[in-house]
Protein backbone atom coordinates (compact mmCIF):
# COMPACT_ATOMS: atom_id res chain seq x y z
CA UNK A 1 14.02 8.47 6.35
CA UNK A 2 12.32 5.09 6.60
CA UNK A 3 8.68 5.31 7.58
CA UNK A 4 6.36 2.58 8.78
CA UNK A 5 3.02 1.41 7.44
CA UNK A 6 1.07 2.83 10.39
CA UNK A 7 2.40 6.30 9.69
CA UNK A 8 1.38 5.98 6.06
CA UNK A 9 -2.20 4.91 6.71
CA UNK A 10 -2.71 7.55 9.39
CA UNK A 11 -3.59 10.09 6.70
CA UNK A 12 -6.97 9.83 4.88
CA UNK A 13 -5.52 11.05 1.57
CA UNK A 14 -2.89 8.33 1.62
CA UNK A 15 -5.56 5.74 2.40
CA UNK A 16 -7.52 6.99 -0.63
CA UNK A 17 -4.42 6.73 -2.82
CA UNK A 18 -3.92 3.14 -1.65
CA UNK A 19 -7.58 2.40 -2.48
CA UNK A 20 -7.14 3.81 -5.98
CA UNK A 21 -4.00 1.81 -6.60
CA UNK A 22 -5.45 -1.38 -5.14
CA UNK A 23 -7.76 -1.54 -8.16
CA UNK A 24 -5.08 -0.84 -10.79
CA UNK A 25 -1.74 0.82 -11.32
CA UNK A 26 -1.96 4.49 -12.28
CA UNK A 27 0.41 7.16 -13.45
CA UNK A 28 1.15 10.10 -11.18
CA UNK A 29 -1.02 12.51 -13.17
CA UNK A 30 -4.05 10.22 -12.97
CA UNK A 31 -3.61 9.94 -9.22
CA UNK A 32 -3.31 13.71 -8.84
CA UNK A 33 -6.40 14.27 -11.02
CA UNK A 34 -8.42 12.18 -8.57
CA UNK A 35 -7.90 14.72 -5.77
CA UNK A 36 -8.64 18.38 -5.20
CA UNK A 37 -5.29 19.09 -3.59
CA UNK A 38 -2.11 20.35 -5.22
CA UNK A 39 0.21 18.11 -7.19
CA UNK A 40 3.09 18.85 -4.80
CA UNK A 41 0.89 17.64 -1.93
CA UNK A 42 0.10 14.44 -3.85
CA UNK A 43 3.82 14.01 -4.55
CA UNK A 44 4.53 14.27 -0.83
CA UNK A 45 1.92 11.59 -0.07
CA UNK A 46 3.33 9.36 -2.83
CA UNK A 47 6.82 9.79 -1.40
CA UNK A 48 5.67 8.71 2.07
CA UNK A 49 3.81 5.69 0.66
CA UNK A 50 6.92 4.74 -1.30
CA UNK A 51 9.20 5.14 1.72
CA UNK A 52 7.11 2.74 3.78
CA UNK A 53 6.83 0.23 0.94
CA UNK A 54 3.09 0.50 0.31
CA UNK A 55 3.58 1.52 -3.30
CA UNK A 56 6.27 1.09 -5.90
CA UNK A 57 6.93 3.41 -8.83
CA UNK A 58 8.00 2.07 -12.20
CA UNK A 59 9.17 4.19 -15.13
CA UNK A 60 7.50 3.27 -18.44
CA UNK A 61 8.66 5.58 -21.19
CA UNK A 62 7.94 9.13 -20.05
CA UNK A 63 5.38 8.06 -17.47
CA UNK A 64 5.89 6.94 -13.91
CA UNK A 65 3.35 4.35 -12.77
CA UNK A 66 2.46 3.58 -9.19
CA UNK A 67 1.39 0.16 -7.99
CA UNK A 68 0.08 -0.81 -4.57
CA UNK A 69 2.06 -3.30 -2.51
CA UNK A 70 -0.78 -4.49 -0.30
CA UNK A 71 1.23 -7.25 1.34
CA UNK A 72 2.73 -4.57 3.59
CA UNK A 73 -0.73 -4.06 5.10
CA UNK A 74 -0.39 -7.48 6.75
CA UNK A 75 1.47 -5.68 9.54
CA UNK A 76 -1.67 -3.67 10.24
CA UNK A 77 -3.93 -6.72 10.02
CA UNK A 78 -1.71 -8.66 12.41
CA UNK A 79 -1.58 -5.81 14.91
CA UNK A 80 -5.34 -5.17 14.86
CA UNK A 81 -6.04 -8.92 14.85
CA UNK A 82 -4.69 -9.28 18.36
CA UNK A 83 -7.54 -7.07 19.55
CA UNK A 84 -10.25 -8.77 17.49
CA UNK A 85 -10.75 -11.58 20.03
CA UNK A 86 -10.97 -9.05 22.86
CA UNK A 87 -13.65 -6.95 21.15
CA UNK A 88 -15.55 -9.99 19.88
CA UNK A 89 -15.74 -11.27 23.45
CA UNK A 90 -16.94 -7.89 24.74
CA UNK A 91 -19.61 -7.60 22.06
CA UNK A 92 -20.81 -11.17 22.66
CA UNK A 93 -21.07 -10.46 26.40
CA UNK A 94 -23.07 -7.29 25.66
CA UNK A 95 -25.40 -9.24 23.37
CA UNK A 96 -25.96 -11.87 26.08
CA UNK A 97 -26.63 -9.17 28.66
CA UNK A 98 -29.17 -7.41 26.44
CA UNK A 99 -30.89 -10.70 25.62
CA UNK A 100 -31.21 -11.49 29.34
CA UNK A 101 -32.56 -7.99 30.04
CA UNK A 102 -35.27 -8.45 27.41
CA UNK A 103 -36.30 -11.81 28.88
CA UNK A 104 -36.47 -10.38 32.40
CA UNK A 105 -38.51 -7.38 31.32
CA UNK A 106 -41.18 -9.29 29.37
CA UNK A 107 -44.53 -9.14 31.17
CA UNK A 108 -45.41 -12.47 32.76
CA UNK A 109 -48.72 -14.04 31.81
CA UNK A 110 -51.04 -15.11 34.59
């Protein structure tokens, strides 16, 4: 089953795994030791991240090392970016409104 990036980042544990691997590649045991959930649960999360292309696994001797493929997150950045202008405009309008309210409410000197 092919999964998408949005499905992968929907889970907080998977986001934490991505954060760990963004700093450096790690073997599966090191990743599992960073969490207080079972190794089978970590394996399931790793499998989902691999299926959507956010991590790759490379065999080095007896160890399997995971590496983040952060370029795949561009899909998320592009999708959220389309809403950035909308929210920036809304927040700027709110700031202008609040500034005008403060000016109108200042006591006038006589």
